[in-house]
C-alpha atoms as a PDB file:
ATOM      1  CA  UNK A   1     -12.807  36.484   5.863  1.00  0.00           C
ATOM      2  CA  UNK A   2     -11.616  32.990   5.300  1.00  0.00           C
ATOM      3  CA  UNK A   3     -13.832  30.758   3.284  1.00  0.00           C
ATOM      4  CA  UNK A   4     -14.984  27.585   4.990  1.00  0.00           C
ATOM      5  CA  UNK A   5     -14.010  24.434   3.146  1.00  0.00           C
ATOM      6  CA  UNK A   6     -16.651  22.066   2.023  1.00  0.00           C
ATOM      7  CA  UNK A   7     -16.890  18.783   3.903  1.00  0.00           C
ATOM      8  CA  UNK A   8     -15.691  16.685   0.929  1.00  0.00           C
ATOM      9  CA  UNK A   9     -12.669  18.955   0.494  1.00  0.00           C
ATOM     10  CA  UNK A  10     -11.699  18.409   4.112  1.00  0.00           C
ATOM     11  CA  UNK A  11     -12.032  14.669   3.743  1.00  0.00           C
ATOM     12  CA  UNK A  12     -10.017  14.636   0.523  1.00  0.00           C
ATOM     13  CA  UNK A  13      -7.363  16.745   2.177  1.00  0.00           C
ATOM     14  CA  UNK A  14      -6.831  14.285   5.033  1.00  0.00           C
ATOM     15  CA  UNK A  15      -7.451  11.090   3.132  1.00  0.00           C
ATOM     16  CA  UNK A  16      -4.322   9.476   1.723  1.00  0.00           C
ATOM     17  CA  UNK A  17      -5.232   6.383  -0.311  1.00  0.00           C
ATOM     18  CA  UNK A  18      -1.663   5.064  -0.371  1.00  0.00           C
ATOM     19  CA  UNK A  19      -1.442   5.214   3.404  1.00  0.00           C
ATOM     20  CA  UNK A  20      -4.788   3.447   3.740  1.00  0.00           C
ATOM     21  CA  UNK A  21      -3.675   0.702   1.353  1.00  0.00           C
ATOM     22  CA  UNK A  22      -0.446   0.277   3.282  1.00  0.00           C
ATOM     23  CA  UNK A  23      -2.437  -0.084   6.497  1.00  0.00           C
ATOM     24  CA  UNK A  24      -4.684  -2.646   4.840  1.00  0.00           C
ATOM     25  CA  UNK A  25      -1.732  -4.701   3.609  1.00  0.00           C
ATOM     26  CA  UNK A  26      -0.070  -4.470   7.018  1.00  0.00           C
ATOM     27  CA  UNK A  27      -3.206  -5.911   8.635  1.00  0.00           C
ATOM     28  CA  UNK A  28      -3.333  -8.713   6.073  1.00  0.00           C
ATOM     29  CA  UNK A  29       0.355  -9.456   6.586  1.00  0.00           C
ATOM     30  CA  UNK A  30      -0.078  -9.600  10.358  1.00  0.00           C
ATOM     31  CA  UNK A  31      -3.063 -11.920  10.013  1.00  0.00           C
ATOM     32  CA  UNK A  32      -1.167 -14.126   7.550  1.00  0.00           C
ATOM     33  CA  UNK A  33       1.847 -14.425   9.836  1.00  0.00           C
ATOM     34  CA  UNK A  34      -0.379 -15.311  12.771  1.00  0.00           C
ATOM     35  CA  UNK A  35      -2.213 -17.920  10.734  1.00  0.00           C
ATOM     36  CA  UNK A  36       1.015 -19.334   9.375  1.00  0.00           C
ATOM     37  CA  UNK A  37       2.402 -19.689  12.905  1.00  0.00           C
ATOM     38  CA  UNK A  38      -0.787 -21.474  14.010  1.00  0.00           C
ATOM     39  CA  UNK A  39      -0.607 -23.895  11.091  1.00  0.00           C
ATOM     40  CA  UNK A  40       3.077 -24.608  11.740  1.00  0.00           C
ATOM     41  CA  UNK A  41       2.372 -25.300  15.417  1.00  0.00           C
ATOM     42  CA  UNK A  42      -0.494 -27.613  14.475  1.00  0.00           C
ATOM     43  CA  UNK A  43       1.595 -29.505  11.941  1.00  0.00           C
ATOM     44  CA  UNK A  44       4.526 -29.806  14.341  1.00  0.00           C
ATOM     45  CA  UNK A  45       2.185 -31.297  16.947  1.00  0.00           C
ATOM     46  CA  UNK A  46       0.290 -33.599  14.579  1.00  0.00           C
ATOM     47  CA  UNK A  47       3.225 -34.686  12.455  1.00  0.00           C
ATOM     48  CA  UNK A  48       6.445 -34.540  14.461  1.00  0.00           C
ATOM     49  CA  UNK A  49       9.636 -34.784  12.453  1.00  0.00           C
ATOM     50  CA  UNK A  50      11.213 -38.178  12.605  1.00  0.00           C
ATOM     51  CA  UNK A  51      14.769 -38.860  11.754  1.00  0.00           C
ATOM     52  CA  UNK A  52      15.044 -41.984   9.726  1.00  0.00           C
ATOM     53  CA  UNK A  53      18.484 -43.436   9.649  1.00  0.00           C
ATOM     54  CA  UNK A  54      19.351 -45.133   6.461  1.00  0.00           C
ATOM     55  CA  UNK A  55      20.377 -48.672   7.164  1.00  0.00           C
ATOM     56  CA  UNK A  56      23.666 -49.425   5.519  1.00  0.00           C
ATOM     57  CA  UNK A  57      25.407 -52.691   5.438  1.00  0.00           C
ATOM     58  CA  UNK A  58      29.091 -51.821   5.329  1.00  0.00           C
ATOM     59  CA  UNK A  59      30.026 -55.493   5.274  1.00  0.00           C
ATOM     60  CA  UNK A  60      28.460 -55.952   1.840  1.00  0.00           C
ATOM     61  CA  UNK A  61      31.020 -56.992  -0.705  1.00  0.00           C
ATOM     62  CA  UNK A  62      30.638 -56.200  -4.384  1.00  0.00           C
ATOM     63  CA  UNK A  63      30.825 -59.035  -6.887  1.00  0.00           C
ATOM     64  CA  UNK A  64      34.218 -59.625  -8.474  1.00  0.00           C
ATOM     65  CA  UNK A  65      33.167 -58.371 -11.931  1.00  0.00           C
ATOM     66  CA  UNK A  66      31.861 -55.094 -10.495  1.00  0.00           C
ATOM     67  CA  UNK A  67      35.075 -54.563  -8.557  1.00  0.00           C
ATOM     68  CA  UNK A  68      37.145 -55.153 -11.687  1.00  0.00           C
ATOM     69  CA  UNK A  69      35.084 -52.668 -13.696  1.00  0.00           C
ATOM     70  CA  UNK A  70      35.271 -50.123 -10.887  1.00  0.00           C
ATOM     71  CA  UNK A  71      39.058 -50.400 -10.869  1.00  0.00           C
ATOM     72  CA  UNK A  72      39.183 -49.867 -14.643  1.00  0.00           C
ATOM     73  CA  UNK A  73      36.884 -46.820 -14.393  1.00  0.00           C
ATOM     74  CA  UNK A  74      38.990 -45.484 -11.536  1.00  0.00           C
ATOM     75  CA  UNK A  75      42.178 -45.844 -13.591  1.00  0.00           C
ATOM     76  CA  UNK A  76      40.566 -44.149 -16.623  1.00  0.00           C
ATOM     77  CA  UNK A  77      39.385 -41.287 -14.426  1.00  0.00           C
ATOM     78  CA  UNK A  78      42.923 -40.739 -13.224  1.00  0.00           C
ATOM     79  CA  UNK A  79      44.661 -41.153 -16.589  1.00  0.00           C
ATOM     80  CA  UNK A  80      42.210 -39.236 -18.783  1.00  0.00           C
ATOM     81  CA  UNK A  81      41.247 -36.698 -16.085  1.00  0.00           C
ATOM     82  CA  UNK A  82      37.529 -37.500 -16.461  1.00  0.00           C
ATOM     83  CA  UNK A  83      34.696 -37.564 -13.983  1.00  0.00           C
ATOM     84  CA  UNK A  84      32.798 -40.716 -13.071  1.00  0.00           C
ATOM     85  CA  UNK A  85      30.044 -40.522 -15.711  1.00  0.00           C
ATOM     86  CA  UNK A  86      32.250 -39.746 -18.715  1.00  0.00           C
ATOM     87  CA  UNK A  87      34.868 -42.255 -17.527  1.00  0.00           C
ATOM     88  CA  UNK A  88      32.253 -45.003 -17.283  1.00  0.00           C
ATOM     89  CA  UNK A  89      30.987 -44.107 -20.749  1.00  0.00           C
ATOM     90  CA  UNK A  90      34.574 -44.164 -22.099  1.00  0.00           C
ATOM     91  CA  UNK A  91      35.121 -47.670 -20.655  1.00  0.00           C
ATOM     92  CA  UNK A  92      31.867 -48.890 -22.190  1.00  0.00           C
ATOM     93  CA  UNK A  93      32.472 -47.314 -25.625  1.00  0.00           C
ATOM     94  CA  UNK A  94      36.063 -48.524 -25.943  1.00  0.00           C
ATOM     95  CA  UNK A  95      35.300 -52.020 -24.654  1.00  0.00           C
ATOM     96  CA  UNK A  96      37.861 -51.868 -21.856  1.00  0.00           C
ATOM     97  CA  UNK A  97      35.727 -54.158 -19.769  1.00  0.00           C
ATOM     98  CA  UNK A  98      34.137 -57.383 -20.988  1.00  0.00           C
END
């Protein structure tokens, strides 16, 4: 005759804590995604994205001294194979301008 299992043994047999935890996290994740979507909809309605165009004045002309220095830096960049920052520093250190 087969022995009847105790109630707690039956429960332990069917209870899988990892599966229960996974279910719990899945519920939390679903709730979080729903809440996140609600917040994003609210923010999109309350604070619509605006595209601000930067106003540029292409007609602006640089002063003569700045143009001269820029030409010197440009030439140093080409000759010494430097980038803008190091070329500007080279011009300043070696007194090629002013």
